[in-house]
């Protein structure tokens, strides 16, 4: 074992601790981003299914007034879904950013600091 000179500081311990926290934060952000992407894909799938159902109902419709009603209902539903998605996405992105930042820059727990000293 090599003894340290008086007045020197071992940078490896704090550096590895910061890198470990950064790595853990990146893994958490990655898994949350993956969950956001999966939710987005589910919404896209639902939109495609809804669009297919709309076009099928339009193809079988012979009344122009009913076609207009179906089109207006579909457009309103699509706008409502889009608004809800943007509201959810805004909250999730803000949460994702703050949680990732908190985990990266958060100070080391007191127990780790005390053990290192």
N, C-alpha and C. Protein backbone atom coordinates (compact mmCIF):
# COMPACT_ATOMS: atom_id res chain seq x y z
N UNK A 1 0.83 -1.18 0.00
CA UNK A 1 0.00 0.00 0.00
C UNK A 1 0.87 1.24 0.00
N UNK A 2 0.48 2.19 -0.72
CA UNK A 2 1.25 3.42 -0.85
C UNK A 2 0.64 4.49 0.04
N UNK A 3 1.45 5.14 0.83
CA UNK A 3 0.91 6.19 1.71
C UNK A 3 0.86 7.51 0.96
N UNK A 4 -0.13 8.29 1.29
CA UNK A 4 -0.28 9.58 0.65
C UNK A 4 0.57 10.61 1.38
N UNK A 5 1.07 11.56 0.62
CA UNK A 5 1.82 12.64 1.24
C UNK A 5 0.84 13.54 1.98
N UNK A 6 1.28 14.14 3.06
CA UNK A 6 0.40 15.08 3.77
C UNK A 6 -0.01 16.24 2.85
N UNK A 7 -1.26 16.60 2.92
CA UNK A 7 -1.76 17.72 2.13
C UNK A 7 -2.24 17.33 0.74
N UNK A 8 -2.18 16.04 0.38
CA UNK A 8 -2.68 15.62 -0.93
C UNK A 8 -4.11 15.14 -0.79
N UNK A 9 -4.80 15.13 -1.90
CA UNK A 9 -6.21 14.73 -1.90
C UNK A 9 -6.41 13.70 -2.99
N UNK A 10 -7.13 12.64 -2.68
CA UNK A 10 -7.42 11.59 -3.65
C UNK A 10 -8.66 11.99 -4.45
N UNK A 11 -8.45 12.35 -5.73
CA UNK A 11 -9.54 12.80 -6.58
C UNK A 11 -10.35 11.64 -7.14
N UNK A 12 -9.81 10.44 -7.11
CA UNK A 12 -10.50 9.31 -7.73
C UNK A 12 -11.84 9.02 -7.05
N UNK A 13 -11.88 9.07 -5.72
CA UNK A 13 -13.13 8.78 -5.00
C UNK A 13 -14.26 9.70 -5.40
N UNK A 14 -14.10 11.03 -5.26
CA UNK A 14 -15.18 11.94 -5.64
C UNK A 14 -15.49 11.89 -7.14
N UNK A 15 -14.47 11.71 -7.97
CA UNK A 15 -14.71 11.65 -9.41
C UNK A 15 -15.56 10.45 -9.76
N UNK A 16 -15.24 9.28 -9.22
CA UNK A 16 -16.02 8.09 -9.52
C UNK A 16 -17.43 8.21 -8.96
N UNK A 17 -17.56 8.87 -7.83
CA UNK A 17 -18.90 9.05 -7.25
C UNK A 17 -19.76 9.91 -8.17
N UNK A 18 -19.19 10.98 -8.71
CA UNK A 18 -19.92 11.85 -9.63
C UNK A 18 -20.27 11.07 -10.90
N UNK A 19 -19.32 10.31 -11.41
CA UNK A 19 -19.58 9.52 -12.62
C UNK A 19 -20.65 8.46 -12.38
N UNK A 20 -20.65 7.85 -11.22
CA UNK A 20 -21.68 6.86 -10.88
C UNK A 20 -23.05 7.52 -10.82
N UNK A 21 -23.13 8.69 -10.21
CA UNK A 21 -24.42 9.39 -10.12
C UNK A 21 -24.89 9.81 -11.51
N UNK A 22 -23.96 10.30 -12.34
CA UNK A 22 -24.31 10.69 -13.70
C UNK A 22 -24.82 9.49 -14.49
N UNK A 23 -24.13 8.36 -14.35
CA UNK A 23 -24.54 7.15 -15.07
C UNK A 23 -25.93 6.69 -14.61
N UNK A 24 -26.17 6.71 -13.32
CA UNK A 24 -27.48 6.31 -12.80
C UNK A 24 -28.57 7.26 -13.30
N UNK A 25 -28.25 8.55 -13.34
CA UNK A 25 -29.23 9.52 -13.82
C UNK A 25 -29.53 9.30 -15.30
N UNK A 26 -28.50 9.01 -16.09
CA UNK A 26 -28.71 8.77 -17.52
C UNK A 26 -29.55 7.51 -17.75
N UNK A 27 -29.33 6.49 -16.94
CA UNK A 27 -30.14 5.27 -17.06
C UNK A 27 -31.59 5.55 -16.72
N UNK A 28 -31.82 6.34 -15.68
CA UNK A 28 -33.19 6.69 -15.29
C UNK A 28 -33.86 7.52 -16.39
N UNK A 29 -33.14 8.48 -16.91
CA UNK A 29 -33.69 9.32 -17.98
C UNK A 29 -33.99 8.46 -19.21
N UNK A 30 -33.09 7.55 -19.53
CA UNK A 30 -33.30 6.67 -20.68
C UNK A 30 -34.52 5.80 -20.53
N UNK A 31 -34.73 5.24 -19.34
CA UNK A 31 -35.90 4.38 -19.15
C UNK A 31 -37.19 5.20 -19.17
N UNK A 32 -37.15 6.41 -18.64
CA UNK A 32 -38.33 7.27 -18.68
C UNK A 32 -38.62 7.74 -20.11
N UNK A 33 -37.57 8.03 -20.86
CA UNK A 33 -37.77 8.43 -22.26
C UNK A 33 -38.35 7.26 -23.06
N UNK A 34 -37.90 6.06 -22.74
CA UNK A 34 -38.44 4.88 -23.41
C UNK A 34 -39.93 4.73 -23.11
N UNK A 35 -40.32 4.96 -21.85
CA UNK A 35 -41.73 4.88 -21.48
C UNK A 35 -42.55 5.95 -22.22
N UNK A 36 -41.98 7.15 -22.35
CA UNK A 36 -42.67 8.21 -23.10
C UNK A 36 -42.86 7.80 -24.56
N UNK A 37 -41.83 7.21 -25.13
CA UNK A 37 -41.91 6.79 -26.53
C UNK A 37 -42.96 5.69 -26.71
N UNK A 38 -43.00 4.74 -25.77
CA UNK A 38 -44.01 3.68 -25.86
C UNK A 38 -45.42 4.26 -25.77
N UNK A 39 -45.62 5.21 -24.87
CA UNK A 39 -46.94 5.85 -24.75
C UNK A 39 -47.30 6.60 -26.03
N UNK A 40 -46.31 7.25 -26.63
CA UNK A 40 -46.54 7.96 -27.88
C UNK A 40 -46.92 6.99 -28.99
N UNK A 41 -46.25 5.85 -29.05
CA UNK A 41 -46.56 4.84 -30.06
C UNK A 41 -47.97 4.28 -29.88
N UNK A 42 -48.38 4.09 -28.63
CA UNK A 42 -49.75 3.62 -28.37
C UNK A 42 -50.78 4.65 -28.87
N UNK A 43 -50.48 5.92 -28.65
CA UNK A 43 -51.38 6.97 -29.13
C UNK A 43 -51.44 6.98 -30.65
N UNK A 44 -50.30 6.81 -31.30
CA UNK A 44 -50.27 6.78 -32.77
C UNK A 44 -51.06 5.58 -33.28
N UNK A 45 -50.92 4.44 -32.64
CA UNK A 45 -51.67 3.25 -33.04
C UNK A 45 -53.17 3.50 -32.89
N UNK A 46 -53.56 4.09 -31.78
CA UNK A 46 -54.98 4.40 -31.56
C UNK A 46 -55.47 5.39 -32.61
N UNK A 47 -54.65 6.37 -32.97
CA UNK A 47 -55.05 7.34 -34.00
C UNK A 47 -55.24 6.67 -35.36
N UNK A 48 -54.36 5.75 -35.70
CA UNK A 48 -54.49 5.04 -36.98
C UNK A 48 -55.76 4.20 -36.98
N UNK A 49 -56.02 3.49 -35.87
CA UNK A 49 -57.23 2.67 -35.78
C UNK A 49 -58.49 3.54 -35.86
N UNK A 50 -58.44 4.69 -35.19
CA UNK A 50 -59.57 5.60 -35.22
C UNK A 50 -59.78 6.14 -36.63
N UNK A 51 -58.69 6.48 -37.31
CA UNK A 51 -58.80 6.96 -38.68
C UNK A 51 -59.36 5.90 -39.61
N UNK A 52 -58.93 4.65 -39.43
CA UNK A 52 -59.44 3.57 -40.27
C UNK A 52 -60.93 3.37 -40.05
N UNK A 53 -61.36 3.44 -38.80
CA UNK A 53 -62.78 3.30 -38.50
C UNK A 53 -63.57 4.46 -39.11
N UNK A 54 -63.00 5.66 -39.05
CA UNK A 54 -63.66 6.83 -39.64
C UNK A 54 -63.84 6.64 -41.15
N UNK A 55 -62.76 6.24 -41.83
CA UNK A 55 -62.85 6.07 -43.29
C UNK A 55 -63.80 4.94 -43.67
N UNK A 56 -63.85 3.91 -42.85
CA UNK A 56 -64.79 2.82 -43.13
C UNK A 56 -66.23 3.31 -43.00
N UNK A 57 -66.49 4.12 -41.96
CA UNK A 57 -67.85 4.63 -41.79
C UNK A 57 -68.20 5.64 -42.90
N UNK A 58 -67.22 6.40 -43.34
CA UNK A 58 -67.46 7.36 -44.44
C UNK A 58 -67.73 6.62 -45.75
N UNK A 59 -67.02 5.52 -45.97
CA UNK A 59 -67.20 4.78 -47.22
C UNK A 59 -68.59 4.16 -47.31
N UNK A 60 -69.16 3.80 -46.17
CA UNK A 60 -70.48 3.18 -46.18
C UNK A 60 -71.61 4.18 -46.09
N UNK A 61 -71.30 5.45 -45.96
CA UNK A 61 -72.33 6.47 -45.77
C UNK A 61 -72.80 7.02 -47.12
N UNK A 62 -74.11 7.16 -47.26
CA UNK A 62 -74.68 7.68 -48.51
C UNK A 62 -75.26 9.08 -48.32
N UNK A 63 -75.44 9.51 -47.10
CA UNK A 63 -76.06 10.80 -46.81
C UNK A 63 -74.96 11.86 -46.60
N UNK A 64 -74.94 12.92 -47.42
CA UNK A 64 -73.91 13.95 -47.28
C UNK A 64 -73.92 14.64 -45.90
N UNK A 65 -75.10 14.82 -45.34
CA UNK A 65 -75.19 15.45 -44.02
C UNK A 65 -74.56 14.56 -42.96
N UNK A 66 -74.80 13.25 -43.07
CA UNK A 66 -74.20 12.31 -42.12
C UNK A 66 -72.68 12.25 -42.32
N UNK A 67 -72.23 12.34 -43.57
CA UNK A 67 -70.78 12.35 -43.83
C UNK A 67 -70.13 13.57 -43.18
N UNK A 68 -70.79 14.71 -43.29
CA UNK A 68 -70.27 15.93 -42.68
C UNK A 68 -70.23 15.80 -41.16
N UNK A 69 -71.30 15.22 -40.60
CA UNK A 69 -71.35 15.00 -39.15
C UNK A 69 -70.21 14.07 -38.70
N UNK A 70 -70.00 12.98 -39.42
CA UNK A 70 -68.92 12.05 -39.08
C UNK A 70 -67.56 12.73 -39.17
N UNK A 71 -67.39 13.52 -40.21
CA UNK A 71 -66.11 14.20 -40.39
C UNK A 71 -65.86 15.20 -39.27
N UNK A 72 -66.87 15.95 -38.89
CA UNK A 72 -66.73 16.94 -37.82
C UNK A 72 -66.45 16.26 -36.48
N UNK A 73 -67.14 15.15 -36.22
CA UNK A 73 -66.92 14.42 -34.96
C UNK A 73 -65.49 13.86 -34.92
N UNK A 74 -65.03 13.31 -36.04
CA UNK A 74 -63.68 12.76 -36.09
C UNK A 74 -62.64 13.86 -35.88
N UNK A 75 -62.84 15.02 -36.52
CA UNK A 75 -61.91 16.13 -36.39
C UNK A 75 -61.88 16.66 -34.95
N UNK A 76 -63.02 16.77 -34.31
CA UNK A 76 -63.09 17.22 -32.92
C UNK A 76 -62.39 16.22 -32.00
N UNK A 77 -62.65 14.94 -32.20
CA UNK A 77 -61.99 13.92 -31.39
C UNK A 77 -60.47 13.95 -31.57
N UNK A 78 -60.03 14.12 -32.80
CA UNK A 78 -58.59 14.17 -33.07
C UNK A 78 -57.96 15.39 -32.39
N UNK A 79 -58.62 16.53 -32.45
CA UNK A 79 -58.09 17.74 -31.81
C UNK A 79 -58.05 17.57 -30.29
N UNK A 80 -59.08 16.96 -29.70
CA UNK A 80 -59.08 16.73 -28.25
C UNK A 80 -57.97 15.78 -27.82
N UNK A 81 -57.77 14.71 -28.61
CA UNK A 81 -56.69 13.77 -28.29
C UNK A 81 -55.33 14.44 -28.39
N UNK A 82 -55.15 15.26 -29.41
CA UNK A 82 -53.89 15.96 -29.60
C UNK A 82 -53.62 16.93 -28.45
N UNK A 83 -54.63 17.65 -28.03
CA UNK A 83 -54.47 18.57 -26.91
C UNK A 83 -54.10 17.81 -25.64
N UNK A 84 -54.76 16.71 -25.37
CA UNK A 84 -54.46 15.91 -24.18
C UNK A 84 -53.03 15.35 -24.24
N UNK A 85 -52.61 14.92 -25.43
CA UNK A 85 -51.24 14.41 -25.58
C UNK A 85 -50.21 15.49 -25.31
N UNK A 86 -50.42 16.69 -25.83
CA UNK A 86 -49.47 17.77 -25.61
C UNK A 86 -49.40 18.15 -24.14
N UNK A 87 -50.54 18.17 -23.45
CA UNK A 87 -50.54 18.49 -22.02
C UNK A 87 -49.76 17.43 -21.24
N UNK A 88 -50.01 16.17 -21.56
CA UNK A 88 -49.31 15.08 -20.88
C UNK A 88 -47.82 15.11 -21.20
N UNK A 89 -47.50 15.34 -22.45
CA UNK A 89 -46.10 15.38 -22.87
C UNK A 89 -45.35 16.51 -22.18
N UNK A 90 -45.97 17.68 -22.08
CA UNK A 90 -45.33 18.81 -21.41
C UNK A 90 -44.98 18.49 -19.97
N UNK A 91 -45.93 17.88 -19.26
CA UNK A 91 -45.67 17.50 -17.87
C UNK A 91 -44.60 16.43 -17.75
N UNK A 92 -44.64 15.45 -18.66
CA UNK A 92 -43.66 14.37 -18.59
C UNK A 92 -42.26 14.84 -18.95
N UNK A 93 -42.13 15.71 -19.92
CA UNK A 93 -40.81 16.22 -20.31
C UNK A 93 -40.23 17.07 -19.19
N UNK A 94 -41.05 17.90 -18.57
CA UNK A 94 -40.56 18.71 -17.45
C UNK A 94 -40.12 17.82 -16.29
N UNK A 95 -40.91 16.79 -16.00
CA UNK A 95 -40.56 15.85 -14.93
C UNK A 95 -39.27 15.12 -15.27
N UNK A 96 -39.14 14.69 -16.50
CA UNK A 96 -37.95 13.98 -16.95
C UNK A 96 -36.71 14.85 -16.82
N UNK A 97 -36.82 16.10 -17.23
CA UNK A 97 -35.67 17.00 -17.17
C UNK A 97 -35.27 17.30 -15.74
N UNK A 98 -36.23 17.57 -14.87
CA UNK A 98 -35.87 17.92 -13.49
C UNK A 98 -35.37 16.71 -12.71
N UNK A 99 -35.97 15.54 -12.94
CA UNK A 99 -35.49 14.36 -12.22
C UNK A 99 -34.08 13.99 -12.66
N UNK A 100 -33.81 14.05 -13.95
CA UNK A 100 -32.47 13.74 -14.43
C UNK A 100 -31.44 14.72 -13.90
N UNK A 101 -31.80 16.00 -13.87
CA UNK A 101 -30.90 17.01 -13.36
C UNK A 101 -30.69 16.85 -11.87
N UNK A 102 -31.76 16.57 -11.13
CA UNK A 102 -31.64 16.38 -9.68
C UNK A 102 -30.70 15.23 -9.34
N UNK A 103 -30.82 14.14 -10.09
CA UNK A 103 -29.99 12.98 -9.80
C UNK A 103 -28.53 13.23 -10.16
N UNK A 104 -28.29 14.06 -11.16
CA UNK A 104 -26.92 14.31 -11.60
C UNK A 104 -26.20 15.27 -10.67
N UNK A 105 -26.86 16.33 -10.24
CA UNK A 105 -26.18 17.35 -9.45
C UNK A 105 -26.46 17.26 -7.96
N UNK A 106 -27.23 16.28 -7.55
CA UNK A 106 -27.54 16.15 -6.12
C UNK A 106 -26.27 15.82 -5.35
N UNK A 107 -26.11 16.40 -4.17
CA UNK A 107 -24.93 16.08 -3.38
C UNK A 107 -24.96 14.63 -2.91
N UNK A 108 -23.78 14.11 -2.61
CA UNK A 108 -23.70 12.74 -2.14
C UNK A 108 -24.42 12.60 -0.81
N UNK A 109 -25.04 11.46 -0.56
CA UNK A 109 -25.69 11.24 0.73
C UNK A 109 -24.67 11.42 1.88
N UNK A 110 -25.15 11.87 3.02
CA UNK A 110 -24.28 12.16 4.15
C UNK A 110 -23.50 10.90 4.59
N UNK A 111 -24.14 9.74 4.52
CA UNK A 111 -23.48 8.51 4.96
C UNK A 111 -22.24 8.22 4.08
N UNK A 112 -22.33 8.46 2.79
CA UNK A 112 -21.19 8.25 1.90
C UNK A 112 -20.08 9.27 2.18
N UNK A 113 -20.50 10.53 2.41
CA UNK A 113 -19.50 11.57 2.68
C UNK A 113 -18.78 11.27 3.98
N UNK A 114 -19.53 10.86 5.00
CA UNK A 114 -18.91 10.56 6.29
C UNK A 114 -17.97 9.37 6.21
N UNK A 115 -18.36 8.36 5.43
CA UNK A 115 -17.52 7.17 5.29
C UNK A 115 -16.24 7.50 4.54
N UNK A 116 -16.31 8.44 3.59
CA UNK A 116 -15.14 8.80 2.80
C UNK A 116 -14.14 9.59 3.63
N UNK A 117 -14.66 10.32 4.62
CA UNK A 117 -13.78 11.15 5.45
C UNK A 117 -13.20 10.32 6.51
